[in-house]
Amino acid sequence: MGLNKKKIEEDSRFDGLKGYITNLTNKNTFKEIIDQYHNLWKVEKAFRMSKGDLKKRPIYHRLKKRIEAHLTICFVSLLVMKETEKILQEKHYSLGKAITLLGKVGKGYARIGNVQIEIDTELNQETKSLLNLFSGH
């Protein structure tokens, strides 16, 4: 069969041009289509967040109900992260920095032999400031 030389020649007319293939109707302007394409980075960022920050790993479900539940949990987690990012922007914190700071906050017990000690972290000013961002939301 080999290569289709005629198709290659026809195709070469478009070398160096950038095109957009879409399923949108003709009602959409070219600008709208290009603008939507340029917003793809937001979708890609969301996937990176869900795989990285949320520590998402492949989970194998076979029942439709479980697949839908898993996707719902992932979506809600992503939504919470996006809203949290908006709040954190007020203090110019990244989500990673906030997770690091707040990851040190906690209360619990430690046992040394027969002695049990209550442990409560002391909040520094930076952590208090971060927590105050969320008190009104």
C-alpha atoms as a PDB file:
ATOM      1  CA  MET A   1       0.000   0.000   0.000  1.00  0.00           C
ATOM      2  CA  GLY A   2       2.703   2.559   0.985  1.00  0.00           C
ATOM      3  CA  LEU A   3       2.424   6.269   1.653  1.00  0.00           C
ATOM      4  CA  ASN A   4      -0.322   8.350   0.054  1.00  0.00           C
ATOM      5  CA  LYS A   5       1.847  10.925  -1.772  1.00  0.00           C
ATOM      6  CA  LYS A   6      -1.165  12.978  -2.884  1.00  0.00           C
ATOM      7  CA  LYS A   7      -2.431  13.291   0.721  1.00  0.00           C
ATOM      8  CA  ILE A   8       1.065  14.285   1.901  1.00  0.00           C
ATOM      9  CA  GLU A   9       1.227  17.054  -0.738  1.00  0.00           C
ATOM     10  CA  GLU A  10      -2.253  18.323   0.187  1.00  0.00           C
ATOM     11  CA  ASP A  11      -1.335  18.268   3.856  1.00  0.00           C
ATOM     12  CA  SER A  12       1.918  20.179   3.284  1.00  0.00           C
ATOM     13  CA  ARG A  13      -0.122  23.293   2.395  1.00  0.00           C
ATOM     14  CA  PHE A  14      -0.842  23.645   6.120  1.00  0.00           C
ATOM     15  CA  ASP A  15       2.762  23.287   7.322  1.00  0.00           C
ATOM     16  CA  GLY A  16       3.600  26.061   9.779  1.00  0.00           C
ATOM     17  CA  LEU A  17      -0.031  26.894  10.538  1.00  0.00           C
ATOM     18  CA  LYS A  18      -1.766  26.280  13.833  1.00  0.00           C
ATOM     19  CA  GLY A  19      -5.302  24.994  13.720  1.00  0.00           C
ATOM     20  CA  TYR A  20      -8.015  24.163  16.204  1.00  0.00           C
ATOM     21  CA  ILE A  21     -10.351  21.235  15.787  1.00  0.00           C
ATOM     22  CA  THR A  22     -13.558  21.600  17.746  1.00  0.00           C
ATOM     23  CA  ASN A  23     -17.016  20.151  18.036  1.00  0.00           C
ATOM     24  CA  LEU A  24     -18.468  23.580  18.828  1.00  0.00           C
ATOM     25  CA  THR A  25     -21.132  24.960  16.536  1.00  0.00           C
ATOM     26  CA  ASN A  26     -20.643  27.777  14.042  1.00  0.00           C
ATOM     27  CA  LYS A  27     -22.429  30.032  16.540  1.00  0.00           C
ATOM     28  CA  ASN A  28     -19.143  30.319  18.409  1.00  0.00           C
ATOM     29  CA  THR A  29     -16.706  32.930  17.213  1.00  0.00           C
ATOM     30  CA  PHE A  30     -13.109  32.020  16.458  1.00  0.00           C
ATOM     31  CA  LYS A  31     -12.044  34.141  19.431  1.00  0.00           C
ATOM     32  CA  GLU A  32     -14.266  32.133  21.794  1.00  0.00           C
ATOM     33  CA  ILE A  33     -12.826  28.861  20.503  1.00  0.00           C
ATOM     34  CA  ILE A  34      -9.242  30.078  20.871  1.00  0.00           C
ATOM     35  CA  ASP A  35      -9.965  31.515  24.344  1.00  0.00           C
ATOM     36  CA  GLN A  36     -11.371  28.170  25.473  1.00  0.00           C
ATOM     37  CA  TYR A  37      -8.283  26.415  24.125  1.00  0.00           C
ATOM     38  CA  HIS A  38      -6.032  28.806  26.045  1.00  0.00           C
ATOM     39  CA  ASN A  39      -7.880  27.933  29.271  1.00  0.00           C
ATOM     40  CA  LEU A  40      -6.864  24.268  28.993  1.00  0.00           C
ATOM     41  CA  TRP A  41      -3.932  24.946  31.306  1.00  0.00           C
ATOM     42  CA  LYS A  42      -6.456  25.344  34.135  1.00  0.00           C
ATOM     43  CA  VAL A  43      -7.780  21.842  33.506  1.00  0.00           C
ATOM     44  CA  GLU A  44      -4.241  20.472  33.304  1.00  0.00           C
ATOM     45  CA  LYS A  45      -3.351  22.223  36.575  1.00  0.00           C
ATOM     46  CA  ALA A  46      -6.398  20.671  38.228  1.00  0.00           C
ATOM     47  CA  PHE A  47      -5.263  17.200  37.156  1.00  0.00           C
ATOM     48  CA  ARG A  48      -1.762  17.861  38.483  1.00  0.00           C
ATOM     49  CA  MET A  49      -3.261  19.041  41.785  1.00  0.00           C
ATOM     50  CA  SER A  50      -5.434  15.989  42.114  1.00  0.00           C
ATOM     51  CA  LYS A  51      -2.568  13.633  41.345  1.00  0.00           C
ATOM     52  CA  GLY A  52       0.039  15.476  43.405  1.00  0.00           C
ATOM     53  CA  ASP A  53      -1.464  17.409  46.292  1.00  0.00           C
ATOM     54  CA  LEU A  54      -4.330  14.995  46.839  1.00  0.00           C
ATOM     55  CA  LYS A  55      -2.037  11.975  46.368  1.00  0.00           C
ATOM     56  CA  LYS A  56      -4.433  10.388  43.907  1.00  0.00           C
ATOM     57  CA  ARG A  57      -3.392   6.993  42.635  1.00  0.00           C
ATOM     58  CA  PRO A  58      -5.164   4.640  40.271  1.00  0.00           C
ATOM     59  CA  ILE A  59      -8.044   2.956  42.029  1.00  0.00           C
ATOM     60  CA  TYR A  60      -9.737   0.077  40.343  1.00  0.00           C
ATOM     61  CA  HIS A  61     -13.515   0.005  40.638  1.00  0.00           C
ATOM     62  CA  ARG A  62     -15.817  -2.042  38.476  1.00  0.00           C
ATOM     63  CA  LEU A  63     -19.249  -1.167  39.814  1.00  0.00           C
ATOM     64  CA  LYS A  64     -20.849   1.942  38.330  1.00  0.00           C
ATOM     65  CA  LYS A  65     -22.005   3.177  41.745  1.00  0.00           C
ATOM     66  CA  ARG A  66     -18.459   2.962  43.174  1.00  0.00           C
ATOM     67  CA  ILE A  67     -16.920   4.656  40.134  1.00  0.00           C
ATOM     68  CA  GLU A  68     -19.413   7.535  40.433  1.00  0.00           C
ATOM     69  CA  ALA A  69     -18.764   7.815  44.180  1.00  0.00           C
ATOM     70  CA  HIS A  70     -14.991   7.893  43.634  1.00  0.00           C
ATOM     71  CA  LEU A  71     -15.279  10.573  40.948  1.00  0.00           C
ATOM     72  CA  THR A  72     -17.560  12.620  43.200  1.00  0.00           C
ATOM     73  CA  ILE A  73     -15.055  12.474  46.054  1.00  0.00           C
ATOM     74  CA  CYS A  74     -12.225  13.486  43.704  1.00  0.00           C
ATOM     75  CA  PHE A  75     -14.286  16.372  42.320  1.00  0.00           C
ATOM     76  CA  VAL A  76     -15.277  17.657  45.762  1.00  0.00           C
ATOM     77  CA  SER A  77     -11.661  17.395  46.953  1.00  0.00           C
ATOM     78  CA  LEU A  78     -10.524  19.421  43.971  1.00  0.00           C
ATOM     79  CA  LEU A  79     -13.258  21.998  44.578  1.00  0.00           C
ATOM     80  CA  VAL A  80     -12.214  22.366  48.229  1.00  0.00           C
ATOM     81  CA  MET A  81      -8.591  22.807  47.139  1.00  0.00           C
ATOM     82  CA  LYS A  82      -9.504  25.477  44.580  1.00  0.00           C
ATOM     83  CA  GLU A  83     -11.588  27.418  47.110  1.00  0.00           C
ATOM     84  CA  THR A  84      -8.792  27.086  49.668  1.00  0.00           C
ATOM     85  CA  GLU A  85      -6.319  28.492  47.141  1.00  0.00           C
ATOM     86  CA  LYS A  86      -8.559  31.542  46.669  1.00  0.00           C
ATOM     87  CA  ILE A  87      -8.589  32.179  50.418  1.00  0.00           C
ATOM     88  CA  LEU A  88      -4.830  31.633  50.704  1.00  0.00           C
ATOM     89  CA  GLN A  89      -4.134  34.220  48.003  1.00  0.00           C
ATOM     90  CA  GLU A  90      -5.079  36.931  50.511  1.00  0.00           C
ATOM     91  CA  LYS A  91      -1.836  36.220  52.393  1.00  0.00           C
ATOM     92  CA  HIS A  92       0.132  35.097  49.330  1.00  0.00           C
ATOM     93  CA  TYR A  93       0.407  31.523  50.630  1.00  0.00           C
ATOM     94  CA  SER A  94       0.666  28.548  48.358  1.00  0.00           C
ATOM     95  CA  LEU A  95      -1.377  25.469  49.088  1.00  0.00           C
ATOM     96  CA  GLY A  96       1.850  23.538  49.710  1.00  0.00           C
ATOM     97  CA  LYS A  97       3.057  26.028  52.316  1.00  0.00           C
ATOM     98  CA  ALA A  98      -0.317  26.011  54.079  1.00  0.00           C
ATOM     99  CA  ILE A  99      -0.315  22.207  54.195  1.00  0.00           C
ATOM    100  CA  THR A 100       3.201  22.245  55.659  1.00  0.00           C
ATOM    101  CA  LEU A 101       2.297  24.824  58.323  1.00  0.00           C
ATOM    102  CA  LEU A 102      -1.014  23.280  59.289  1.00  0.00           C
ATOM    103  CA  GLY A 103       0.414  19.766  59.193  1.00  0.00           C
ATOM    104  CA  LYS A 104       2.365  20.632  62.332  1.00  0.00           C
ATOM    105  CA  VAL A 105      -0.769  21.655  64.225  1.00  0.00           C
ATOM    106  CA  GLY A 106      -2.317  18.993  66.366  1.00  0.00           C
ATOM    107  CA  LYS A 107      -3.220  17.575  69.695  1.00  0.00           C
ATOM    108  CA  GLY A 108      -2.675  14.119  71.031  1.00  0.00           C
ATOM    109  CA  TYR A 109      -1.036  11.898  73.593  1.00  0.00           C
ATOM    110  CA  ALA A 110       2.380  10.318  73.899  1.00  0.00           C
ATOM    111  CA  ARG A 111       3.119   7.389  76.168  1.00  0.00           C
ATOM    112  CA  ILE A 112       6.517   6.832  77.705  1.00  0.00           C
ATOM    113  CA  GLY A 113       6.403   3.646  79.747  1.00  0.00           C
ATOM    114  CA  ASN A 114       3.439   4.004  82.102  1.00  0.00           C
ATOM    115  CA  VAL A 115       3.332   7.784  81.760  1.00  0.00           C
ATOM    116  CA  GLN A 116       0.933   9.358  79.308  1.00  0.00           C
ATOM    117  CA  ILE A 117       1.548  12.976  78.306  1.00  0.00           C
ATOM    118  CA  GLU A 118      -0.863  15.259  76.502  1.00  0.00           C
ATOM    119  CA  ILE A 119       0.788  16.994  73.559  1.00  0.00           C
ATOM    120  CA  ASP A 120      -0.606  20.217  72.153  1.00  0.00           C
ATOM    121  CA  THR A 121       1.268  22.229  69.546  1.00  0.00           C
ATOM    122  CA  GLU A 122       1.877  25.883  70.174  1.00  0.00           C
ATOM    123  CA  LEU A 123       0.791  28.035  67.297  1.00  0.00           C
ATOM    124  CA  ASN A 124       3.279  30.580  66.058  1.00  0.00           C
ATOM    125  CA  GLN A 125       2.076  33.911  64.666  1.00  0.00           C
ATOM    126  CA  GLU A 126       2.301  32.726  61.049  1.00  0.00           C
ATOM    127  CA  THR A 127       0.110  29.685  61.739  1.00  0.00           C
ATOM    128  CA  LYS A 128      -2.394  31.779  63.720  1.00  0.00           C
ATOM    129  CA  SER A 129      -2.561  34.233  60.824  1.00  0.00           C
ATOM    130  CA  LEU A 130      -3.199  31.390  58.412  1.00  0.00           C
ATOM    131  CA  LEU A 131      -5.936  29.888  60.581  1.00  0.00           C
ATOM    132  CA  ASN A 132      -7.594  33.307  60.915  1.00  0.00           C
ATOM    133  CA  LEU A 133      -7.999  33.433  57.135  1.00  0.00           C
ATOM    134  CA  PHE A 134     -10.525  30.617  57.403  1.00  0.00           C
ATOM    135  CA  SER A 135     -12.419  31.819  60.487  1.00  0.00           C
ATOM    136  CA  GLY A 136     -14.778  34.014  58.454  1.00  0.00           C
ATOM    137  CA  HIS A 137     -15.446  31.520  55.640  1.00  0.00           C
END
